[in-house]
Amino acid sequence: MNRLKLTDKIRTINSGLFVLLGIIIVIRSIRLSAGIHLWLPVLVGASFIGFGIYRLGFVLRYLRGRQ
């Protein structure tokens, strides 16, 4: 059974942080913005969330394949 390398662990942590940062951006933008200025930060936050989940999906598939 192969162990995860340091770079794999760092990438996994970064992916989780992308999701967390995206959630924070969306929550703060909804609370602080109004009107047309609301949509750009929400779109950026949603993109961070989507990209983080996309990257975490690769990690989950890798870990399932190892078992």
C-alpha atoms as a PDB file:
ATOM      1  CA  MET A   1       0.000   0.000   0.000  1.00  0.00           C
ATOM      2  CA  ASN A   2       1.507   3.320  -1.070  1.00  0.00           C
ATOM      3  CA  ARG A   3       1.473   6.235   1.302  1.00  0.00           C
ATOM      4  CA  LEU A   4       0.529   9.724   0.251  1.00  0.00           C
ATOM      5  CA  LYS A   5       3.502  11.910  -0.541  1.00  0.00           C
ATOM      6  CA  LEU A   6       3.975  15.305   1.049  1.00  0.00           C
ATOM      7  CA  THR A   7       2.870  17.062  -2.144  1.00  0.00           C
ATOM      8  CA  ASP A   8      -0.337  15.000  -2.207  1.00  0.00           C
ATOM      9  CA  LYS A   9      -1.094  15.981   1.373  1.00  0.00           C
ATOM     10  CA  ILE A  10      -0.461  19.651   0.611  1.00  0.00           C
ATOM     11  CA  ARG A  11      -2.721  19.527  -2.451  1.00  0.00           C
ATOM     12  CA  THR A  12      -5.472  17.869  -0.418  1.00  0.00           C
ATOM     13  CA  ILE A  13      -5.244  20.532   2.269  1.00  0.00           C
ATOM     14  CA  ASN A  14      -5.264  23.265  -0.377  1.00  0.00           C
ATOM     15  CA  SER A  15      -8.398  21.775  -1.932  1.00  0.00           C
ATOM     16  CA  GLY A  16     -10.150  21.816   1.415  1.00  0.00           C
ATOM     17  CA  LEU A  17      -9.059  25.407   1.951  1.00  0.00           C
ATOM     18  CA  PHE A  18     -10.463  26.347  -1.463  1.00  0.00           C
ATOM     19  CA  VAL A  19     -13.879  25.092  -0.337  1.00  0.00           C
ATOM     20  CA  LEU A  20     -13.624  26.881   3.011  1.00  0.00           C
ATOM     21  CA  LEU A  21     -12.496  30.140   1.404  1.00  0.00           C
ATOM     22  CA  GLY A  22     -15.313  29.929  -1.149  1.00  0.00           C
ATOM     23  CA  ILE A  23     -17.895  29.506   1.610  1.00  0.00           C
ATOM     24  CA  ILE A  24     -16.467  32.497   3.474  1.00  0.00           C
ATOM     25  CA  ILE A  25     -16.512  34.653   0.322  1.00  0.00           C
ATOM     26  CA  VAL A  26     -20.126  33.745  -0.451  1.00  0.00           C
ATOM     27  CA  ILE A  27     -21.332  34.384   3.108  1.00  0.00           C
ATOM     28  CA  ARG A  28     -19.508  37.699   3.416  1.00  0.00           C
ATOM     29  CA  SER A  29     -20.605  38.903   0.004  1.00  0.00           C
ATOM     30  CA  ILE A  30     -24.259  38.132   0.713  1.00  0.00           C
ATOM     31  CA  ARG A  31     -24.080  39.931   4.051  1.00  0.00           C
ATOM     32  CA  LEU A  32     -22.149  42.987   2.826  1.00  0.00           C
ATOM     33  CA  SER A  33     -23.209  43.531  -0.792  1.00  0.00           C
ATOM     34  CA  ALA A  34     -26.410  44.492  -2.506  1.00  0.00           C
ATOM     35  CA  GLY A  35     -27.601  44.819  -6.086  1.00  0.00           C
ATOM     36  CA  ILE A  36     -25.347  44.150  -9.045  1.00  0.00           C
ATOM     37  CA  HIS A  37     -22.241  44.152  -6.878  1.00  0.00           C
ATOM     38  CA  LEU A  38     -23.526  41.012  -5.181  1.00  0.00           C
ATOM     39  CA  TRP A  39     -23.149  38.683  -8.146  1.00  0.00           C
ATOM     40  CA  LEU A  40     -19.434  38.949  -8.862  1.00  0.00           C
ATOM     41  CA  PRO A  41     -18.233  37.961  -5.352  1.00  0.00           C
ATOM     42  CA  VAL A  42     -20.855  35.209  -5.186  1.00  0.00           C
ATOM     43  CA  LEU A  43     -19.645  33.894  -8.541  1.00  0.00           C
ATOM     44  CA  VAL A  44     -16.027  33.970  -7.366  1.00  0.00           C
ATOM     45  CA  GLY A  45     -16.935  32.195  -4.111  1.00  0.00           C
ATOM     46  CA  ALA A  46     -18.975  29.572  -5.942  1.00  0.00           C
ATOM     47  CA  SER A  47     -16.048  29.017  -8.323  1.00  0.00           C
ATOM     48  CA  PHE A  48     -13.705  28.437  -5.381  1.00  0.00           C
ATOM     49  CA  ILE A  49     -16.172  25.951  -3.890  1.00  0.00           C
ATOM     50  CA  GLY A  50     -16.601  24.133  -7.192  1.00  0.00           C
ATOM     51  CA  PHE A  51     -12.892  23.949  -7.908  1.00  0.00           C
ATOM     52  CA  GLY A  52     -12.143  22.687  -4.388  1.00  0.00           C
ATOM     53  CA  ILE A  53     -14.787  19.972  -4.621  1.00  0.00           C
ATOM     54  CA  TYR A  54     -13.509  19.018  -8.088  1.00  0.00           C
ATOM     55  CA  ARG A  55      -9.975  18.555  -6.742  1.00  0.00           C
ATOM     56  CA  LEU A  56     -11.166  16.670  -3.655  1.00  0.00           C
ATOM     57  CA  GLY A  57     -13.004  14.281  -5.966  1.00  0.00           C
ATOM     58  CA  PHE A  58      -9.682  13.147  -7.410  1.00  0.00           C
ATOM     59  CA  VAL A  59      -8.353  12.501  -3.908  1.00  0.00           C
ATOM     60  CA  LEU A  60     -11.412  10.435  -2.979  1.00  0.00           C
ATOM     61  CA  ARG A  61     -11.160   8.360  -6.164  1.00  0.00           C
ATOM     62  CA  TYR A  62      -7.464   7.753  -5.494  1.00  0.00           C
ATOM     63  CA  LEU A  63      -8.106   6.674  -1.919  1.00  0.00           C
ATOM     64  CA  ARG A  64     -10.958   4.366  -2.951  1.00  0.00           C
ATOM     65  CA  GLY A  65      -8.767   2.780  -5.609  1.00  0.00           C
ATOM     66  CA  ARG A  66      -6.070   1.954  -3.070  1.00  0.00           C
ATOM     67  CA  GLN A  67      -8.340  -0.179  -0.927  1.00  0.00           C
END
